Amino acid sequence: MRTKIKQVALIMLLMVSFTQAQQLTGRQIMKKALNKSSWQDMVGQVKLILTNERGQQRIRKIKMYSRKRNANESDMLMRFVAPADVKGTGFLIIEHQNSDDERYLYLPALRRVKRIASSGKGGNFMSSDFTYYDIGKPKLDDWKYKRLPDEKIDGYDCYKIECLPASGQIAKDTGYGKIIRWIRKDIWVTIRSEYYDRAKRLWKVLTVPRVENISGVWFQTDMIMKDLQNKHQSEMIFSDIKVNQNIPAKFFSQRYLQRGH
């Protein structure tokens, strides 16, 4: 009898969980996906592989640091370490919950820090197919969300979310008229995104061939962005990721960015 009661209780719990999942809105799903991480800071290596329409490749190596200032705001520093022509170049993002994020680029040849204006967020990040906007975390309120029918991607059950710009200015600044994201239900990680231009034509596709659990945190450790219109591709491969390393706050400043190393 006790075993039967436990079985009934388990079935009821599964039914409740299923019902709750079915009732989630697109915005609720995106909010959970954006705020799922439990780490306080992280450091890692990035290999950026740029492939042109002729299949020719260029490889760049990056050291990346990131930290959470609070539950809603983070900072990120990316420092190029190779090859020689980009070594010392740095990119800094300082997130703000209620205002525009700050984005800064340090170019060692000019020995100065340049702020990326909001209107420049749609520009290509270091000649890659990722934009400056793609590199940072999306702001929840910048988009309006619609939950589409769930789908499987690579065998994983996913939520499918349509994201539309909340204003014409967001569309203009990012260059995107629509984004569709597929988020794995089990780990709340995006494993595919489709980016449409302002005319709603399919522009780029992001795939995530690999995700890894590192110290209890799920990371996208291989991301491929394909530009279907220009026949380019950029791949970011992450390695040596370490979390909760007590990274000093000074790392995420213009002064440190300008050091160039």
C-alpha atoms as a PDB file:
ATOM      1  CA  MET A   1       0.000   0.000   0.000  1.00  0.00           C
ATOM      2  CA  ARG A   2       2.792   2.421   0.946  1.00  0.00           C
ATOM      3  CA  THR A   3       4.576   1.703  -2.339  1.00  0.00           C
ATOM      4  CA  LYS A   4       1.386   2.347  -4.291  1.00  0.00           C
ATOM      5  CA  ILE A   5       0.875   5.683  -2.491  1.00  0.00           C
ATOM      6  CA  LYS A   6       4.426   6.720  -3.393  1.00  0.00           C
ATOM      7  CA  GLN A   7       3.827   5.806  -7.021  1.00  0.00           C
ATOM      8  CA  VAL A   8       0.619   7.840  -7.138  1.00  0.00           C
ATOM      9  CA  ALA A   9       2.366  10.799  -5.485  1.00  0.00           C
ATOM     10  CA  LEU A  10       5.193  10.629  -8.036  1.00  0.00           C
ATOM     11  CA  ILE A  11       2.737  10.534 -10.936  1.00  0.00           C
ATOM     12  CA  MET A  12       0.878  13.547  -9.535  1.00  0.00           C
ATOM     13  CA  LEU A  13       4.152  15.450  -9.093  1.00  0.00           C
ATOM     14  CA  LEU A  14       5.136  14.739 -12.699  1.00  0.00           C
ATOM     15  CA  MET A  15       1.719  15.854 -13.902  1.00  0.00           C
ATOM     16  CA  VAL A  16       1.998  19.121 -11.961  1.00  0.00           C
ATOM     17  CA  SER A  17       5.509  19.753 -13.350  1.00  0.00           C
ATOM     18  CA  PHE A  18       4.298  19.058 -16.890  1.00  0.00           C
ATOM     19  CA  THR A  19       1.318  21.393 -16.453  1.00  0.00           C
ATOM     20  CA  GLN A  20       3.529  24.169 -15.079  1.00  0.00           C
ATOM     21  CA  ALA A  21       5.941  23.791 -18.006  1.00  0.00           C
ATOM     22  CA  GLN A  22       3.052  24.009 -20.467  1.00  0.00           C
ATOM     23  CA  GLN A  23       1.804  27.199 -18.806  1.00  0.00           C
ATOM     24  CA  LEU A  24       5.123  29.062 -18.969  1.00  0.00           C
ATOM     25  CA  THR A  25       5.051  32.119 -21.232  1.00  0.00           C
ATOM     26  CA  GLY A  26       7.792  33.056 -23.669  1.00  0.00           C
ATOM     27  CA  ARG A  27       8.958  35.857 -21.400  1.00  0.00           C
ATOM     28  CA  GLN A  28       9.072  33.598 -18.341  1.00  0.00           C
ATOM     29  CA  ILE A  29      11.146  31.045 -20.231  1.00  0.00           C
ATOM     30  CA  MET A  30      13.608  33.673 -21.470  1.00  0.00           C
ATOM     31  CA  LYS A  31      13.910  35.217 -18.002  1.00  0.00           C
ATOM     32  CA  LYS A  32      14.795  31.864 -16.471  1.00  0.00           C
ATOM     33  CA  ALA A  33      17.261  31.058 -19.251  1.00  0.00           C
ATOM     34  CA  LEU A  34      19.024  34.415 -18.840  1.00  0.00           C
ATOM     35  CA  ASN A  35      19.254  34.172 -15.048  1.00  0.00           C
ATOM     36  CA  LYS A  36      19.952  30.470 -14.552  1.00  0.00           C
ATOM     37  CA  SER A  37      23.691  30.639 -13.821  1.00  0.00           C
ATOM     38  CA  SER A  38      24.876  30.265 -10.244  1.00  0.00           C
ATOM     39  CA  TRP A  39      28.537  31.263 -10.686  1.00  0.00           C
ATOM     40  CA  GLN A  40      29.964  34.533  -9.354  1.00  0.00           C
ATOM     41  CA  ASP A  41      32.837  34.890 -11.799  1.00  0.00           C
ATOM     42  CA  MET A  42      34.603  32.862 -14.466  1.00  0.00           C
ATOM     43  CA  VAL A  43      37.765  32.839 -16.536  1.00  0.00           C
ATOM     44  CA  GLY A  44      38.523  30.884 -19.687  1.00  0.00           C
ATOM     45  CA  GLN A  45      40.272  30.651 -23.042  1.00  0.00           C
ATOM     46  CA  VAL A  46      38.524  31.242 -26.367  1.00  0.00           C
ATOM     47  CA  LYS A  47      39.591  30.189 -29.849  1.00  0.00           C
ATOM     48  CA  LEU A  48      37.838  32.292 -32.491  1.00  0.00           C
ATOM     49  CA  ILE A  49      37.914  30.694 -35.953  1.00  0.00           C
ATOM     50  CA  LEU A  50      36.888  32.943 -38.856  1.00  0.00           C
ATOM     51  CA  THR A  51      36.026  31.226 -42.150  1.00  0.00           C
ATOM     52  CA  ASN A  52      35.336  33.191 -45.331  1.00  0.00           C
ATOM     53  CA  GLU A  53      33.277  32.212 -48.371  1.00  0.00           C
ATOM     54  CA  ARG A  54      36.314  30.475 -49.934  1.00  0.00           C
ATOM     55  CA  GLY A  55      36.889  28.314 -46.865  1.00  0.00           C
ATOM     56  CA  GLN A  56      39.995  30.233 -45.798  1.00  0.00           C
ATOM     57  CA  GLN A  57      40.442  30.461 -42.044  1.00  0.00           C
ATOM     58  CA  ARG A  58      41.948  32.875 -39.560  1.00  0.00           C
ATOM     59  CA  ILE A  59      42.376  31.918 -35.917  1.00  0.00           C
ATOM     60  CA  ARG A  60      42.410  34.302 -32.979  1.00  0.00           C
ATOM     61  CA  LYS A  61      42.992  33.453 -29.335  1.00  0.00           C
ATOM     62  CA  ILE A  62      41.319  35.278 -26.481  1.00  0.00           C
ATOM     63  CA  LYS A  63      41.478  35.323 -22.691  1.00  0.00           C
ATOM     64  CA  MET A  64      38.051  35.974 -21.196  1.00  0.00           C
ATOM     65  CA  TYR A  65      37.008  37.123 -17.737  1.00  0.00           C
ATOM     66  CA  SER A  66      33.476  37.644 -16.457  1.00  0.00           C
ATOM     67  CA  ARG A  67      31.850  38.415 -13.123  1.00  0.00           C
ATOM     68  CA  LYS A  68      28.432  39.176 -11.689  1.00  0.00           C
ATOM     69  CA  ARG A  69      28.147  42.457  -9.836  1.00  0.00           C
ATOM     70  CA  ASN A  70      24.671  41.493  -8.669  1.00  0.00           C
ATOM     71  CA  ALA A  71      21.744  39.302  -9.740  1.00  0.00           C
ATOM     72  CA  ASN A  72      20.987  41.441 -12.812  1.00  0.00           C
ATOM     73  CA  GLU A  73      24.288  43.018 -13.868  1.00  0.00           C
ATOM     74  CA  SER A  74      27.544  41.490 -15.077  1.00  0.00           C
ATOM     75  CA  ASP A  75      30.873  42.605 -16.510  1.00  0.00           C
ATOM     76  CA  MET A  76      33.011  40.888 -19.139  1.00  0.00           C
ATOM     77  CA  LEU A  77      36.534  41.467 -20.426  1.00  0.00           C
ATOM     78  CA  MET A  78      37.947  39.804 -23.535  1.00  0.00           C
ATOM     79  CA  ARG A  79      41.663  40.194 -24.245  1.00  0.00           C
ATOM     80  CA  PHE A  80      43.184  39.045 -27.554  1.00  0.00           C
ATOM     81  CA  VAL A  81      46.488  37.227 -27.058  1.00  0.00           C
ATOM     82  CA  ALA A  82      47.213  36.012 -30.627  1.00  0.00           C
ATOM     83  CA  PRO A  83      48.049  36.477 -33.472  1.00  0.00           C
ATOM     84  CA  ALA A  84      50.431  39.413 -33.344  1.00  0.00           C
ATOM     85  CA  ASP A  85      48.274  41.788 -35.408  1.00  0.00           C
ATOM     86  CA  VAL A  86      45.470  41.759 -32.801  1.00  0.00           C
ATOM     87  CA  LYS A  87      47.454  40.978 -29.648  1.00  0.00           C
ATOM     88  CA  GLY A  88      46.573  43.376 -26.844  1.00  0.00           C
ATOM     89  CA  THR A  89      43.200  44.334 -28.309  1.00  0.00           C
ATOM     90  CA  GLY A  90      40.562  44.299 -25.585  1.00  0.00           C
ATOM     91  CA  PHE A  91      36.792  44.437 -25.321  1.00  0.00           C
ATOM     92  CA  LEU A  92      34.919  45.358 -22.147  1.00  0.00           C
ATOM     93  CA  ILE A  93      31.202  45.168 -21.377  1.00  0.00           C
ATOM     94  CA  ILE A  94      29.704  46.750 -18.254  1.00  0.00           C
ATOM     95  CA  GLU A  95      26.038  45.817 -17.961  1.00  0.00           C
ATOM     96  CA  HIS A  96      23.357  48.085 -16.511  1.00  0.00           C
ATOM     97  CA  GLN A  97      19.889  46.837 -15.710  1.00  0.00           C
ATOM     98  CA  ASN A  98      18.049  50.122 -16.259  1.00  0.00           C
ATOM     99  CA  SER A  99      20.197  51.869 -18.863  1.00  0.00           C
ATOM    100  CA  ASP A 100      22.360  51.108 -21.879  1.00  0.00           C
ATOM    101  CA  ASP A 101      25.269  48.772 -21.302  1.00  0.00           C
ATOM    102  CA  GLU A 102      28.740  50.247 -21.696  1.00  0.00           C
ATOM    103  CA  ARG A 103      30.898  48.646 -24.401  1.00  0.00           C
ATOM    104  CA  TYR A 104      34.533  49.644 -24.851  1.00  0.00           C
ATOM    105  CA  LEU A 105      37.138  48.565 -27.382  1.00  0.00           C
ATOM    106  CA  TYR A 106      40.862  49.057 -26.833  1.00  0.00           C
ATOM    107  CA  LEU A 107      43.036  49.194 -29.950  1.00  0.00           C
ATOM    108  CA  PRO A 108      46.749  49.016 -29.050  1.00  0.00           C
ATOM    109  CA  ALA A 109      47.833  50.611 -32.347  1.00  0.00           C
ATOM    110  CA  LEU A 110      45.927  53.756 -31.364  1.00  0.00           C
ATOM    111  CA  ARG A 111      46.646  53.415 -27.643  1.00  0.00           C
ATOM    112  CA  ARG A 112      43.173  54.525 -26.745  1.00  0.00           C
ATOM    113  CA  VAL A 113      39.848  53.190 -25.546  1.00  0.00           C
ATOM    114  CA  LYS A 114      36.870  53.675 -27.832  1.00  0.00           C
ATOM    115  CA  ARG A 115      33.313  53.466 -26.545  1.00  0.00           C
ATOM    116  CA  ILE A 116      30.919  51.537 -28.795  1.00  0.00           C
ATOM    117  CA  ALA A 117      27.769  53.644 -29.154  1.00  0.00           C
ATOM    118  CA  SER A 118      24.333  52.047 -28.953  1.00  0.00           C
ATOM    119  CA  SER A 119      24.020  52.570 -32.697  1.00  0.00           C
ATOM    120  CA  GLY A 120      27.180  50.510 -33.178  1.00  0.00           C
ATOM    121  CA  LYS A 121      26.016  47.389 -31.331  1.00  0.00           C
ATOM    122  CA  GLY A 122      25.125  45.758 -34.634  1.00  0.00           C
ATOM    123  CA  GLY A 123      28.693  46.075 -35.913  1.00  0.00           C
ATOM    124  CA  ASN A 124      30.845  42.988 -36.413  1.00  0.00           C
ATOM    125  CA  PHE A 125      32.979  42.069 -33.422  1.00  0.00           C
ATOM    126  CA  MET A 126      36.613  41.962 -34.585  1.00  0.00           C
ATOM    127  CA  SER A 127      35.635  41.023 -38.171  1.00  0.00           C
ATOM    128  CA  SER A 128      33.638  38.007 -36.963  1.00  0.00           C
ATOM    129  CA  ASP A 129      30.018  37.083 -37.659  1.00  0.00           C
ATOM    130  CA  PHE A 130      29.169  37.840 -34.031  1.00  0.00           C
ATOM    131  CA  THR A 131      28.099  41.427 -33.422  1.00  0.00           C
ATOM    132  CA  TYR A 132      28.985  43.513 -30.390  1.00  0.00           C
ATOM    133  CA  TYR A 133      25.399  42.928 -29.283  1.00  0.00           C
ATOM    134  CA  ASP A 134      25.741  39.137 -29.648  1.00  0.00           C
ATOM    135  CA  ILE A 135      28.731  39.073 -27.318  1.00  0.00           C
ATOM    136  CA  GLY A 136      26.805  40.474 -24.356  1.00  0.00           C
ATOM    137  CA  LYS A 137      23.723  39.166 -22.557  1.00  0.00           C
ATOM    138  CA  PRO A 138      20.393  40.333 -24.045  1.00  0.00           C
ATOM    139  CA  LYS A 139      18.266  42.668 -21.960  1.00  0.00           C
ATOM    140  CA  LEU A 140      14.954  41.007 -21.166  1.00  0.00           C
ATOM    141  CA  ASP A 141      12.910  44.176 -21.722  1.00  0.00           C
ATOM    142  CA  ASP A 142      14.462  44.893 -25.129  1.00  0.00           C
ATOM    143  CA  TRP A 143      12.328  42.169 -26.687  1.00  0.00           C
ATOM    144  CA  LYS A 144       8.754  40.941 -26.822  1.00  0.00           C
ATOM    145  CA  TYR A 145       8.359  37.194 -26.575  1.00  0.00           C
ATOM    146  CA  LYS A 146       6.007  34.633 -28.043  1.00  0.00           C
ATOM    147  CA  ARG A 147       6.161  30.975 -27.190  1.00  0.00           C
ATOM    148  CA  LEU A 148       5.976  28.815 -30.298  1.00  0.00           C
ATOM    149  CA  PRO A 149       5.253  25.058 -30.334  1.00  0.00           C
ATOM    150  CA  ASP A 150       8.009  23.107 -28.576  1.00  0.00           C
ATOM    151  CA  GLU A 151      10.480  21.249 -30.791  1.00  0.00           C
ATOM    152  CA  LYS A 152      13.331  18.782 -30.561  1.00  0.00           C
ATOM    153  CA  ILE A 153      16.823  19.908 -31.556  1.00  0.00           C
ATOM    154  CA  ASP A 154      19.536  17.240 -31.812  1.00  0.00           C
ATOM    155  CA  GLY A 155      17.290  14.934 -29.790  1.00  0.00           C
ATOM    156  CA  TYR A 156      16.724  17.408 -26.943  1.00  0.00           C
ATOM    157  CA  ASP A 157      13.299  18.745 -25.970  1.00  0.00           C
ATOM    158  CA  CYS A 158      13.398  22.514 -26.418  1.00  0.00           C
ATOM    159  CA  TYR A 159      11.253  25.542 -25.809  1.00  0.00           C
ATOM    160  CA  LYS A 160      10.984  27.586 -28.998  1.00  0.00           C
ATOM    161  CA  ILE A 161      10.732  31.334 -28.440  1.00  0.00           C
ATOM    162  CA  GLU A 162      10.152  34.129 -30.945  1.00  0.00           C
ATOM    163  CA  CYS A 163      11.792  37.411 -29.909  1.00  0.00           C
ATOM    164  CA  LEU A 164      10.688  40.656 -31.561  1.00  0.00           C
ATOM    165  CA  PRO A 165      12.295  44.057 -30.896  1.00  0.00           C
ATOM    166  CA  ALA A 166      10.367  46.021 -28.281  1.00  0.00           C
ATOM    167  CA  SER A 167      10.967  49.205 -30.290  1.00  0.00           C
ATOM    168  CA  GLY A 168      12.177  50.387 -33.659  1.00  0.00           C
ATOM    169  CA  GLN A 169      15.317  51.696 -31.972  1.00  0.00           C
ATOM    170  CA  ILE A 170      16.232  48.231 -30.686  1.00  0.00           C
ATOM    171  CA  ALA A 171      15.821  46.839 -34.207  1.00  0.00           C
ATOM    172  CA  LYS A 172      17.965  49.646 -35.615  1.00  0.00           C
ATOM    173  CA  ASP A 173      20.711  49.313 -32.993  1.00  0.00           C
ATOM    174  CA  THR A 174      20.983  45.511 -33.157  1.00  0.00           C
ATOM    175  CA  GLY A 175      20.192  45.055 -36.844  1.00  0.00           C
ATOM    176  CA  TYR A 176      17.721  42.304 -35.968  1.00  0.00           C
ATOM    177  CA  GLY A 177      14.045  42.284 -36.898  1.00  0.00           C
ATOM    178  CA  LYS A 178      13.439  38.942 -35.218  1.00  0.00           C
ATOM    179  CA  ILE A 179      15.290  36.233 -33.299  1.00  0.00           C
ATOM    180  CA  ILE A 180      14.055  32.692 -32.720  1.00  0.00           C
ATOM    181  CA  ARG A 181      15.698  30.727 -29.909  1.00  0.00           C
ATOM    182  CA  TRP A 182      15.576  27.053 -28.978  1.00  0.00           C
ATOM    183  CA  ILE A 183      16.228  26.502 -25.261  1.00  0.00           C
ATOM    184  CA  ARG A 184      16.864  23.055 -23.822  1.00  0.00           C
ATOM    185  CA  LYS A 185      14.218  22.211 -21.253  1.00  0.00           C
ATOM    186  CA  ASP A 186      16.516  20.157 -19.033  1.00  0.00           C
ATOM    187  CA  ILE A 187      19.336  22.683 -18.546  1.00  0.00           C
ATOM    188  CA  TRP A 188      17.827  26.009 -19.764  1.00  0.00           C
ATOM    189  CA  VAL A 189      20.618  26.631 -22.286  1.00  0.00           C
ATOM    190  CA  THR A 190      20.054  28.003 -25.790  1.00  0.00           C
ATOM    191  CA  ILE A 191      21.354  25.505 -28.367  1.00  0.00           C
ATOM    192  CA  ARG A 192      20.116  27.166 -31.559  1.00  0.00           C
ATOM    193  CA  SER A 193      19.160  30.686 -32.621  1.00  0.00           C
ATOM    194  CA  GLU A 194      18.001  32.143 -35.920  1.00  0.00           C
ATOM    195  CA  TYR A 195      18.619  35.834 -36.557  1.00  0.00           C
ATOM    196  CA  TYR A 196      16.520  37.739 -39.076  1.00  0.00           C
ATOM    197  CA  ASP A 197      17.385  41.130 -40.527  1.00  0.00           C
ATOM    198  CA  ARG A 198      15.084  44.122 -40.246  1.00  0.00           C
ATOM    199  CA  ALA A 199      13.263  42.997 -43.399  1.00  0.00           C
ATOM    200  CA  LYS A 200      12.568  39.656 -41.600  1.00  0.00           C
ATOM    201  CA  ARG A 201      14.854  37.710 -43.935  1.00  0.00           C
ATOM    202  CA  LEU A 202      16.876  34.894 -42.365  1.00  0.00           C
ATOM    203  CA  TRP A 203      20.355  36.291 -41.876  1.00  0.00           C
ATOM    204  CA  LYS A 204      22.382  34.182 -39.439  1.00  0.00           C
ATOM    205  CA  VAL A 205      22.075  30.861 -37.637  1.00  0.00           C
ATOM    206  CA  LEU A 206      23.783  30.078 -34.336  1.00  0.00           C
ATOM    207  CA  THR A 207      24.311  26.427 -33.431  1.00  0.00           C
ATOM    208  CA  VAL A 208      25.827  25.047 -30.238  1.00  0.00           C
ATOM    209  CA  PRO A 209      27.487  21.676 -30.915  1.00  0.00           C
ATOM    210  CA  ARG A 210      28.704  21.295 -27.337  1.00  0.00           C
ATOM    211  CA  VAL A 211      27.608  22.277 -23.835  1.00  0.00           C
ATOM    212  CA  GLU A 212      29.532  21.245 -20.722  1.00  0.00           C
ATOM    213  CA  ASN A 213      28.816  21.074 -17.015  1.00  0.00           C
ATOM    214  CA  ILE A 214      31.697  22.785 -15.243  1.00  0.00           C
ATOM    215  CA  SER A 215      31.551  22.882 -11.447  1.00  0.00           C
ATOM    216  CA  GLY A 216      27.789  22.473 -11.586  1.00  0.00           C
ATOM    217  CA  VAL A 217      27.260  25.196 -14.208  1.00  0.00           C
ATOM    218  CA  TRP A 218      26.235  24.540 -17.823  1.00  0.00           C
ATOM    219  CA  PHE A 219      28.255  26.465 -20.406  1.00  0.00           C
ATOM    220  CA  GLN A 220      28.023  26.706 -24.184  1.00  0.00           C
ATOM    221  CA  THR A 221      31.596  25.684 -25.025  1.00  0.00           C
ATOM    222  CA  ASP A 222      31.311  25.585 -28.814  1.00  0.00           C
ATOM    223  CA  MET A 223      29.253  28.139 -30.741  1.00  0.00           C
ATOM    224  CA  ILE A 224      29.077  28.466 -34.523  1.00  0.00           C
ATOM    225  CA  MET A 225      27.556  31.566 -36.115  1.00  0.00           C
ATOM    226  CA  LYS A 226      26.851  31.198 -39.836  1.00  0.00           C
ATOM    227  CA  ASP A 227      26.081  34.270 -41.930  1.00  0.00           C
ATOM    228  CA  LEU A 228      23.829  32.835 -44.634  1.00  0.00           C
ATOM    229  CA  GLN A 229      23.688  36.053 -46.633  1.00  0.00           C
ATOM    230  CA  ASN A 230      27.439  36.680 -46.809  1.00  0.00           C
ATOM    231  CA  LYS A 231      28.592  33.036 -46.680  1.00  0.00           C
ATOM    232  CA  HIS A 232      30.855  33.586 -43.688  1.00  0.00           C
ATOM    233  CA  GLN A 233      31.190  31.572 -40.491  1.00  0.00           C
ATOM    234  CA  SER A 234      32.674  32.244 -37.056  1.00  0.00           C
ATOM    235  CA  GLU A 235      33.221  29.638 -34.365  1.00  0.00           C
ATOM    236  CA  MET A 236      33.996  30.252 -30.694  1.00  0.00           C
ATOM    237  CA  ILE A 237      35.522  27.294 -28.846  1.00  0.00           C
ATOM    238  CA  PHE A 238      35.877  27.707 -25.080  1.00  0.00           C
ATOM    239  CA  SER A 239      38.390  25.825 -22.927  1.00  0.00           C
ATOM    240  CA  ASP A 240      40.041  25.914 -19.496  1.00  0.00           C
ATOM    241  CA  ILE A 241      36.916  27.422 -17.943  1.00  0.00           C
ATOM    242  CA  LYS A 242      37.153  27.972 -14.199  1.00  0.00           C
ATOM    243  CA  VAL A 243      34.423  29.434 -12.009  1.00  0.00           C
ATOM    244  CA  ASN A 244      34.459  31.402  -8.747  1.00  0.00           C
ATOM    245  CA  GLN A 245      38.085  32.525  -8.976  1.00  0.00           C
ATOM    246  CA  ASN A 246      37.657  35.808  -7.047  1.00  0.00           C
ATOM    247  CA  ILE A 247      38.632  37.950 -10.026  1.00  0.00           C
ATOM    248  CA  PRO A 248      39.499  41.493  -8.861  1.00  0.00           C
ATOM    249  CA  ALA A 249      36.951  44.189  -9.716  1.00  0.00           C
ATOM    250  CA  LYS A 250      39.742  46.307 -11.271  1.00  0.00           C
ATOM    251  CA  PHE A 251      39.868  43.886 -14.219  1.00  0.00           C
ATOM    252  CA  PHE A 252      36.570  45.317 -15.440  1.00  0.00           C
ATOM    253  CA  SER A 253      37.595  48.942 -15.864  1.00  0.00           C
ATOM    254  CA  GLN A 254      38.741  51.194 -18.677  1.00  0.00           C
ATOM    255  CA  ARG A 255      42.069  51.637 -16.921  1.00  0.00           C
ATOM    256  CA  TYR A 256      42.764  47.900 -16.907  1.00  0.00           C
ATOM    257  CA  LEU A 257      41.455  47.553 -20.457  1.00  0.00           C
ATOM    258  CA  GLN A 258      43.973  50.139 -21.635  1.00  0.00           C
ATOM    259  CA  ARG A 259      46.885  48.187 -20.179  1.00  0.00           C
ATOM    260  CA  GLY A 260      46.616  45.968 -23.231  1.00  0.00           C
ATOM    261  CA  HIS A 261      47.927  42.797 -21.540  1.00  0.00           C
END
